[in-house]
């Protein structure tokens, strides 16, 4: 594991070192707070196409869960 120090500019932007950008090849990241730390999780391209797919639809939580389960199963079958 390699550790680098990055700085945040006055607009809150953090620039990732080129070595990390090349390694992860991601343009989007989930930002998660875990036990007082900020964690960046690359969004895989296969999952990115589903981002926002339920926006503006009047679905129940159960319906959304079912749709997510179906799409996840499809993705997993494609990877096997």
PDB file of N, CA and C in Angstrom:
ATOM      1  N   UNK A   1       0.847  -1.175   0.000  1.00  0.00           N
ATOM      2  CA  UNK A   1       0.000   0.000   0.000  1.00  0.00           C
ATOM      3  C   UNK A   1       0.890   1.236   0.000  1.00  0.00           C
ATOM      4  N   UNK A   2       0.580   2.144  -0.886  1.00  0.00           N
ATOM      5  CA  UNK A   2       1.337   3.385  -1.002  1.00  0.00           C
ATOM      6  C   UNK A   2       0.507   4.530  -0.437  1.00  0.00           C
ATOM      7  N   UNK A   3       1.100   5.379   0.341  1.00  0.00           N
ATOM      8  CA  UNK A   3       0.389   6.501   0.952  1.00  0.00           C
ATOM      9  C   UNK A   3       0.912   7.799   0.358  1.00  0.00           C
ATOM     10  N   UNK A   4      -0.021   8.669  -0.018  1.00  0.00           N
ATOM     11  CA  UNK A   4       0.346   9.987  -0.534  1.00  0.00           C
ATOM     12  C   UNK A   4      -0.510  11.025   0.166  1.00  0.00           C
ATOM     13  N   UNK A   5       0.007  12.211   0.291  1.00  0.00           N
ATOM     14  CA  UNK A   5      -0.742  13.317   0.881  1.00  0.00           C
ATOM     15  C   UNK A   5      -1.271  14.174  -0.252  1.00  0.00           C
ATOM     16  N   UNK A   6      -2.568  14.464  -0.205  1.00  0.00           N
ATOM     17  CA  UNK A   6      -3.182  15.349  -1.197  1.00  0.00           C
ATOM     18  C   UNK A   6      -3.789  16.536  -0.450  1.00  0.00           C
ATOM     19  N   UNK A   7      -3.974  17.605  -1.147  1.00  0.00           N
ATOM     20  CA  UNK A   7      -4.546  18.802  -0.525  1.00  0.00           C
ATOM     21  C   UNK A   7      -5.913  19.091  -1.137  1.00  0.00           C
ATOM     22  N   UNK A   8      -6.741  19.744  -0.340  1.00  0.00           N
ATOM     23  CA  UNK A   8      -8.050  20.170  -0.813  1.00  0.00           C
ATOM     24  C   UNK A   8      -7.949  21.657  -1.132  1.00  0.00           C
ATOM     25  N   UNK A   9      -8.500  22.063  -2.291  1.00  0.00           N
ATOM     26  CA  UNK A   9      -8.445  23.484  -2.629  1.00  0.00           C
ATOM     27  C   UNK A   9      -9.605  24.225  -1.961  1.00  0.00           C
ATOM     28  N   UNK A  10      -9.683  25.529  -2.164  1.00  0.00           N
ATOM     29  CA  UNK A  10     -10.689  26.345  -1.478  1.00  0.00           C
ATOM     30  C   UNK A  10     -12.118  26.002  -1.897  1.00  0.00           C
ATOM     31  N   UNK A  11     -12.284  25.280  -3.009  1.00  0.00           N
ATOM     32  CA  UNK A  11     -13.613  24.852  -3.456  1.00  0.00           C
ATOM     33  C   UNK A  11     -13.948  23.426  -3.013  1.00  0.00           C
ATOM     34  N   UNK A  12     -13.074  22.827  -2.213  1.00  0.00           N
ATOM     35  CA  UNK A  12     -13.327  21.489  -1.699  1.00  0.00           C
ATOM     36  C   UNK A  12     -12.894  20.367  -2.623  1.00  0.00           C
ATOM     37  N   UNK A  13     -12.153  20.686  -3.675  1.00  0.00           N
ATOM     38  CA  UNK A  13     -11.708  19.659  -4.616  1.00  0.00           C
ATOM     39  C   UNK A  13     -10.410  19.021  -4.150  1.00  0.00           C
ATOM     40  N   UNK A  14     -10.373  17.708  -4.304  1.00  0.00           N
ATOM     41  CA  UNK A  14      -9.171  16.952  -3.999  1.00  0.00           C
ATOM     42  C   UNK A  14      -8.719  16.304  -5.301  1.00  0.00           C
ATOM     43  N   UNK A  15      -7.463  16.466  -5.627  1.00  0.00           N
ATOM     44  CA  UNK A  15      -6.934  15.897  -6.855  1.00  0.00           C
ATOM     45  C   UNK A  15      -6.217  14.596  -6.546  1.00  0.00           C
ATOM     46  N   UNK A  16      -6.656  13.531  -7.209  1.00  0.00           N
ATOM     47  CA  UNK A  16      -6.024  12.234  -7.006  1.00  0.00           C
ATOM     48  C   UNK A  16      -4.749  12.150  -7.828  1.00  0.00           C
ATOM     49  N   UNK A  17      -3.704  11.585  -7.275  1.00  0.00           N
ATOM     50  CA  UNK A  17      -2.457  11.423  -8.025  1.00  0.00           C
ATOM     51  C   UNK A  17      -2.681  10.579  -9.283  1.00  0.00           C
ATOM     52  N   UNK A  18      -1.915  10.857 -10.322  1.00  0.00           N
ATOM     53  CA  UNK A  18      -2.047  10.147 -11.603  1.00  0.00           C
ATOM     54  C   UNK A  18      -1.912   8.636 -11.425  1.00  0.00           C
ATOM     55  N   UNK A  19      -1.050   8.205 -10.519  1.00  0.00           N
ATOM     56  CA  UNK A  19      -0.859   6.769 -10.320  1.00  0.00           C
ATOM     57  C   UNK A  19      -2.157   6.092  -9.873  1.00  0.00           C
ATOM     58  N   UNK A  20      -2.931   6.760  -9.031  1.00  0.00           N
ATOM     59  CA  UNK A  20      -4.212   6.199  -8.589  1.00  0.00           C
ATOM     60  C   UNK A  20      -5.259   6.266  -9.687  1.00  0.00           C
ATOM     61  N   UNK A  21      -5.282   7.378 -10.432  1.00  0.00           N
ATOM     62  CA  UNK A  21      -6.256   7.497 -11.526  1.00  0.00           C
ATOM     63  C   UNK A  21      -6.040   6.411 -12.562  1.00  0.00           C
ATOM     64  N   UNK A  22      -4.790   6.141 -12.890  1.00  0.00           N
ATOM     65  CA  UNK A  22      -4.477   5.100 -13.878  1.00  0.00           C
ATOM     66  C   UNK A  22      -4.817   3.713 -13.347  1.00  0.00           C
ATOM     67  N   UNK A  23      -4.547   3.495 -12.079  1.00  0.00           N
ATOM     68  CA  UNK A  23      -4.784   2.174 -11.484  1.00  0.00           C
ATOM     69  C   UNK A  23      -6.266   1.838 -11.400  1.00  0.00           C
ATOM     70  N   UNK A  24      -7.095   2.801 -10.999  1.00  0.00           N
ATOM     71  CA  UNK A  24      -8.515   2.522 -10.797  1.00  0.00           C
ATOM     72  C   UNK A  24      -9.383   2.810 -12.013  1.00  0.00           C
ATOM     73  N   UNK A  25      -8.904   3.621 -12.937  1.00  0.00           N
ATOM     74  CA  UNK A  25      -9.628   3.930 -14.180  1.00  0.00           C
ATOM     75  C   UNK A  25     -11.092   4.259 -13.928  1.00  0.00           C
ATOM     76  N   UNK A  26     -11.360   5.041 -12.898  1.00  0.00           N
ATOM     77  CA  UNK A  26     -12.733   5.402 -12.556  1.00  0.00           C
ATOM     78  C   UNK A  26     -12.906   6.906 -12.676  1.00  0.00           C
ATOM     79  N   UNK A  27     -14.070   7.315 -13.127  1.00  0.00           N
ATOM     80  CA  UNK A  27     -14.390   8.734 -13.216  1.00  0.00           C
ATOM     81  C   UNK A  27     -15.315   9.165 -12.089  1.00  0.00           C
ATOM     82  N   UNK A  28     -15.983   8.192 -11.472  1.00  0.00           N
ATOM     83  CA  UNK A  28     -16.922   8.473 -10.391  1.00  0.00           C
ATOM     84  C   UNK A  28     -16.595   7.609  -9.180  1.00  0.00           C
ATOM     85  N   UNK A  29     -16.870   8.167  -8.013  1.00  0.00           N
ATOM     86  CA  UNK A  29     -16.600   7.455  -6.773  1.00  0.00           C
ATOM     87  C   UNK A  29     -17.772   7.638  -5.821  1.00  0.00           C
ATOM     88  N   UNK A  30     -18.071   6.602  -5.063  1.00  0.00           N
ATOM     89  CA  UNK A  30     -18.965   6.744  -3.932  1.00  0.00           C
ATOM     90  C   UNK A  30     -18.113   7.343  -2.826  1.00  0.00           C
ATOM     91  N   UNK A  31     -18.664   8.279  -2.089  1.00  0.00           N
ATOM     92  CA  UNK A  31     -17.954   8.868  -0.958  1.00  0.00           C
ATOM     93  C   UNK A  31     -18.673   8.397   0.287  1.00  0.00           C
ATOM     94  N   UNK A  32     -17.944   7.739   1.160  1.00  0.00           N
ATOM     95  CA  UNK A  32     -18.541   7.151   2.354  1.00  0.00           C
ATOM     96  C   UNK A  32     -17.741   7.583   3.575  1.00  0.00           C
ATOM     97  N   UNK A  33     -18.449   7.846   4.651  1.00  0.00           N
ATOM     98  CA  UNK A  33     -17.772   8.144   5.915  1.00  0.00           C
ATOM     99  C   UNK A  33     -17.804   6.877   6.759  1.00  0.00           C
ATOM    100  N   UNK A  34     -16.624   6.450   7.182  1.00  0.00           N
ATOM    101  CA  UNK A  34     -16.496   5.255   8.020  1.00  0.00           C
ATOM    102  C   UNK A  34     -15.647   5.583   9.232  1.00  0.00           C
ATOM    103  N   UNK A  35     -16.245   5.513  10.379  1.00  0.00           N
ATOM    104  CA  UNK A  35     -15.527   5.699  11.633  1.00  0.00           C
ATOM    105  C   UNK A  35     -14.620   6.928  11.610  1.00  0.00           C
ATOM    106  N   UNK A  36     -15.168   8.042  11.161  1.00  0.00           N
ATOM    107  CA  UNK A  36     -14.422   9.297  11.166  1.00  0.00           C
ATOM    108  C   UNK A  36     -13.441   9.464  10.015  1.00  0.00           C
ATOM    109  N   UNK A  37     -13.496   8.569   9.016  1.00  0.00           N
ATOM    110  CA  UNK A  37     -12.617   8.674   7.845  1.00  0.00           C
ATOM    111  C   UNK A  37     -13.456   8.787   6.579  1.00  0.00           C
ATOM    112  N   UNK A  38     -12.878   9.364   5.554  1.00  0.00           N
ATOM    113  CA  UNK A  38     -13.534   9.469   4.250  1.00  0.00           C
ATOM    114  C   UNK A  38     -12.978   8.367   3.365  1.00  0.00           C
ATOM    115  N   UNK A  39     -13.872   7.593   2.772  1.00  0.00           N
ATOM    116  CA  UNK A  39     -13.474   6.483   1.921  1.00  0.00           C
ATOM    117  C   UNK A  39     -14.035   6.719   0.523  1.00  0.00           C
ATOM    118  N   UNK A  40     -13.177   6.623  -0.495  1.00  0.00           N
ATOM    119  CA  UNK A  40     -13.613   6.729  -1.888  1.00  0.00           C
ATOM    120  C   UNK A  40     -13.701   5.328  -2.473  1.00  0.00           C
ATOM    121  N   UNK A  41     -14.850   5.001  -3.062  1.00  0.00           N
ATOM    122  CA  UNK A  41     -15.045   3.689  -3.653  1.00  0.00           C
ATOM    123  C   UNK A  41     -15.343   3.886  -5.133  1.00  0.00           C
ATOM    124  N   UNK A  42     -14.474   3.377  -6.018  1.00  0.00           N
ATOM    125  CA  UNK A  42     -14.707   3.568  -7.449  1.00  0.00           C
ATOM    126  C   UNK A  42     -16.034   2.953  -7.895  1.00  0.00           C
ATOM    127  N   UNK A  43     -16.759   3.682  -8.743  1.00  0.00           N
ATOM    128  CA  UNK A  43     -17.997   3.168  -9.315  1.00  0.00           C
ATOM    129  C   UNK A  43     -17.613   2.382 -10.556  1.00  0.00           C
ATOM    130  N   UNK A  44     -17.942   1.115 -10.563  1.00  0.00           N
ATOM    131  CA  UNK A  44     -17.623   0.289 -11.723  1.00  0.00           C
ATOM    132  C   UNK A  44     -18.505   0.712 -12.891  1.00  0.00           C
ATOM    133  N   UNK A  45     -17.950   0.681 -14.087  1.00  0.00           N
ATOM    134  CA  UNK A  45     -18.676   1.133 -15.272  1.00  0.00           C
ATOM    135  C   UNK A  45     -19.984   0.389 -15.463  1.00  0.00           C
ATOM    136  N   UNK A  46     -20.016  -0.904 -15.145  1.00  0.00           N
ATOM    137  CA  UNK A  46     -21.248  -1.664 -15.313  1.00  0.00           C
ATOM    138  C   UNK A  46     -22.343  -1.156 -14.393  1.00  0.00           C
ATOM    139  N   UNK A  47     -21.968  -0.711 -13.207  1.00  0.00           N
ATOM    140  CA  UNK A  47     -22.965  -0.218 -12.262  1.00  0.00           C
ATOM    141  C   UNK A  47     -23.349   1.230 -12.540  1.00  0.00           C
ATOM    142  N   UNK A  48     -22.449   1.985 -13.136  1.00  0.00           N
ATOM    143  CA  UNK A  48     -22.674   3.403 -13.363  1.00  0.00           C
ATOM    144  C   UNK A  48     -23.916   3.649 -14.222  1.00  0.00           C
ATOM    145  N   UNK A  49     -24.200   2.749 -15.157  1.00  0.00           N
ATOM    146  CA  UNK A  49     -25.340   2.962 -16.044  1.00  0.00           C
ATOM    147  C   UNK A  49     -26.667   2.926 -15.286  1.00  0.00           C
ATOM    148  N   UNK A  50     -26.671   2.367 -14.062  1.00  0.00           N
ATOM    149  CA  UNK A  50     -27.895   2.290 -13.276  1.00  0.00           C
ATOM    150  C   UNK A  50     -28.069   3.463 -12.322  1.00  0.00           C
ATOM    151  N   UNK A  51     -27.057   4.315 -12.228  1.00  0.00           N
ATOM    152  CA  UNK A  51     -27.123   5.453 -11.319  1.00  0.00           C
ATOM    153  C   UNK A  51     -28.305   6.347 -11.694  1.00  0.00           C
ATOM    154  N   UNK A  52     -29.190   6.618 -10.754  1.00  0.00           N
ATOM    155  CA  UNK A  52     -30.319   7.505 -10.984  1.00  0.00           C
ATOM    156  C   UNK A  52     -31.475   6.892 -11.741  1.00  0.00           C
ATOM    157  N   UNK A  53     -31.453   5.575 -11.975  1.00  0.00           N
ATOM    158  CA  UNK A  53     -32.478   4.963 -12.815  1.00  0.00           C
ATOM    159  C   UNK A  53     -33.877   5.036 -12.202  1.00  0.00           C
ATOM    160  N   UNK A  54     -34.006   5.221 -10.888  1.00  0.00           N
ATOM    161  CA  UNK A  54     -35.321   5.267 -10.254  1.00  0.00           C
ATOM    162  C   UNK A  54     -35.774   6.700  -9.970  1.00  0.00           C
ATOM    163  N   UNK A  55     -34.962   7.659 -10.313  1.00  0.00           N
ATOM    164  CA  UNK A  55     -35.282   9.050 -10.029  1.00  0.00           C
ATOM    165  C   UNK A  55     -36.566   9.450 -10.764  1.00  0.00           C
ATOM    166  N   UNK A  56     -37.479  10.069 -10.045  1.00  0.00           N
ATOM    167  CA  UNK A  56     -38.708  10.557 -10.653  1.00  0.00           C
ATOM    168  C   UNK A  56     -39.790   9.498 -10.793  1.00  0.00           C
ATOM    169  N   UNK A  57     -39.505   8.262 -10.393  1.00  0.00           N
ATOM    170  CA  UNK A  57     -40.501   7.201 -10.472  1.00  0.00           C
ATOM    171  C   UNK A  57     -41.130   7.017  -9.097  1.00  0.00           C
ATOM    172  N   UNK A  58     -42.405   6.712  -9.100  1.00  0.00           N
ATOM    173  CA  UNK A  58     -43.117   6.538  -7.839  1.00  0.00           C
ATOM    174  C   UNK A  58     -43.123   5.059  -7.473  1.00  0.00           C
ATOM    175  N   UNK A  59     -42.000   4.564  -6.958  1.00  0.00           N
ATOM    176  CA  UNK A  59     -41.861   3.159  -6.602  1.00  0.00           C
ATOM    177  C   UNK A  59     -41.749   3.012  -5.092  1.00  0.00           C
ATOM    178  N   UNK A  60     -42.267   1.920  -4.581  1.00  0.00           N
ATOM    179  CA  UNK A  60     -42.118   1.638  -3.157  1.00  0.00           C
ATOM    180  C   UNK A  60     -40.700   1.125  -2.905  1.00  0.00           C
ATOM    181  N   UNK A  61     -40.296   1.130  -1.656  1.00  0.00           N
ATOM    182  CA  UNK A  61     -38.967   0.615  -1.309  1.00  0.00           C
ATOM    183  C   UNK A  61     -38.837  -0.845  -1.711  1.00  0.00           C
ATOM    184  N   UNK A  62     -39.907  -1.618  -1.532  1.00  0.00           N
ATOM    185  CA  UNK A  62     -39.895  -3.035  -1.918  1.00  0.00           C
ATOM    186  C   UNK A  62     -39.698  -3.221  -3.416  1.00  0.00           C
ATOM    187  N   UNK A  63     -40.347  -2.369  -4.215  1.00  0.00           N
ATOM    188  CA  UNK A  63     -40.201  -2.457  -5.675  1.00  0.00           C
ATOM    189  C   UNK A  63     -38.770  -2.114  -6.105  1.00  0.00           C
ATOM    190  N   UNK A  64     -38.201  -1.104  -5.482  1.00  0.00           N
ATOM    191  CA  UNK A  64     -36.824  -0.717  -5.800  1.00  0.00           C
ATOM    192  C   UNK A  64     -35.872  -1.849  -5.427  1.00  0.00           C
ATOM    193  N   UNK A  65     -36.062  -2.428  -4.244  1.00  0.00           N
ATOM    194  CA  UNK A  65     -35.220  -3.554  -3.817  1.00  0.00           C
ATOM    195  C   UNK A  65     -35.307  -4.716  -4.813  1.00  0.00           C
ATOM    196  N   UNK A  66     -36.514  -5.022  -5.268  1.00  0.00           N
ATOM    197  CA  UNK A  66     -36.707  -6.123  -6.216  1.00  0.00           C
ATOM    198  C   UNK A  66     -35.985  -5.828  -7.534  1.00  0.00           C
ATOM    199  N   UNK A  67     -36.135  -4.618  -8.045  1.00  0.00           N
ATOM    200  CA  UNK A  67     -35.466  -4.244  -9.298  1.00  0.00           C
ATOM    201  C   UNK A  67     -33.946  -4.296  -9.161  1.00  0.00           C
ATOM    202  N   UNK A  68     -33.429  -3.811  -8.044  1.00  0.00           N
ATOM    203  CA  UNK A  68     -31.981  -3.843  -7.815  1.00  0.00           C
ATOM    204  C   UNK A  68     -31.494  -5.287  -7.757  1.00  0.00           C
ATOM    205  N   UNK A  69     -32.253  -6.141  -7.077  1.00  0.00           N
ATOM    206  CA  UNK A  69     -31.884  -7.555  -7.000  1.00  0.00           C
ATOM    207  C   UNK A  69     -31.822  -8.185  -8.384  1.00  0.00           C
ATOM    208  N   UNK A  70     -32.825  -7.905  -9.212  1.00  0.00           N
ATOM    209  CA  UNK A  70     -32.863  -8.459 -10.566  1.00  0.00           C
ATOM    210  C   UNK A  70     -31.659  -7.997 -11.385  1.00  0.00           C
ATOM    211  N   UNK A  71     -31.358  -6.713 -11.329  1.00  0.00           N
ATOM    212  CA  UNK A  71     -30.235  -6.175 -12.104  1.00  0.00           C
ATOM    213  C   UNK A  71     -28.906  -6.712 -11.595  1.00  0.00           C
ATOM    214  N   UNK A  72     -28.776  -6.864 -10.283  1.00  0.00           N
ATOM    215  CA  UNK A  72     -27.551  -7.409  -9.701  1.00  0.00           C
ATOM    216  C   UNK A  72     -27.335  -8.844 -10.164  1.00  0.00           C
ATOM    217  N   UNK A  73     -28.398  -9.625 -10.171  1.00  0.00           N
ATOM    218  CA  UNK A  73     -28.297 -11.009 -10.647  1.00  0.00           C
ATOM    219  C   UNK A  73     -27.842 -11.054 -12.100  1.00  0.00           C
ATOM    220  N   UNK A  74     -28.368 -10.174 -12.929  1.00  0.00           N
ATOM    221  CA  UNK A  74     -27.965 -10.106 -14.344  1.00  0.00           C
ATOM    222  C   UNK A  74     -26.460  -9.818 -14.456  1.00  0.00           C
ATOM    223  N   UNK A  75     -26.006  -8.823 -13.696  1.00  0.00           N
ATOM    224  CA  UNK A  75     -24.587  -8.453 -13.730  1.00  0.00           C
ATOM    225  C   UNK A  75     -23.698  -9.612 -13.293  1.00  0.00           C
ATOM    226  N   UNK A  76     -24.108 -10.286 -12.219  1.00  0.00           N
ATOM    227  CA  UNK A  76     -23.307 -11.400 -11.716  1.00  0.00           C
ATOM    228  C   UNK A  76     -23.255 -12.540 -12.731  1.00  0.00           C
ATOM    229  N   UNK A  77     -24.353 -12.824 -13.389  1.00  0.00           N
ATOM    230  CA  UNK A  77     -24.352 -13.880 -14.408  1.00  0.00           C
ATOM    231  C   UNK A  77     -23.423 -13.536 -15.566  1.00  0.00           C
ATOM    232  N   UNK A  78     -23.370 -12.255 -15.935  1.00  0.00           N
ATOM    233  CA  UNK A  78     -22.498 -11.811 -17.032  1.00  0.00           C
ATOM    234  C   UNK A  78     -21.022 -11.997 -16.668  1.00  0.00           C
ATOM    235  N   UNK A  79     -20.677 -11.803 -15.380  1.00  0.00           N
ATOM    236  CA  UNK A  79     -19.279 -11.897 -14.944  1.00  0.00           C
ATOM    237  C   UNK A  79     -18.818 -13.321 -14.780  1.00  0.00           C
ATOM    238  N   UNK A  80     -19.729 -14.295 -14.631  1.00  0.00           N
ATOM    239  CA  UNK A  80     -19.342 -15.692 -14.421  1.00  0.00           C
ATOM    240  C   UNK A  80     -18.991 -16.352 -15.684  1.00  0.00           C
TER     241      UNK A  80
END
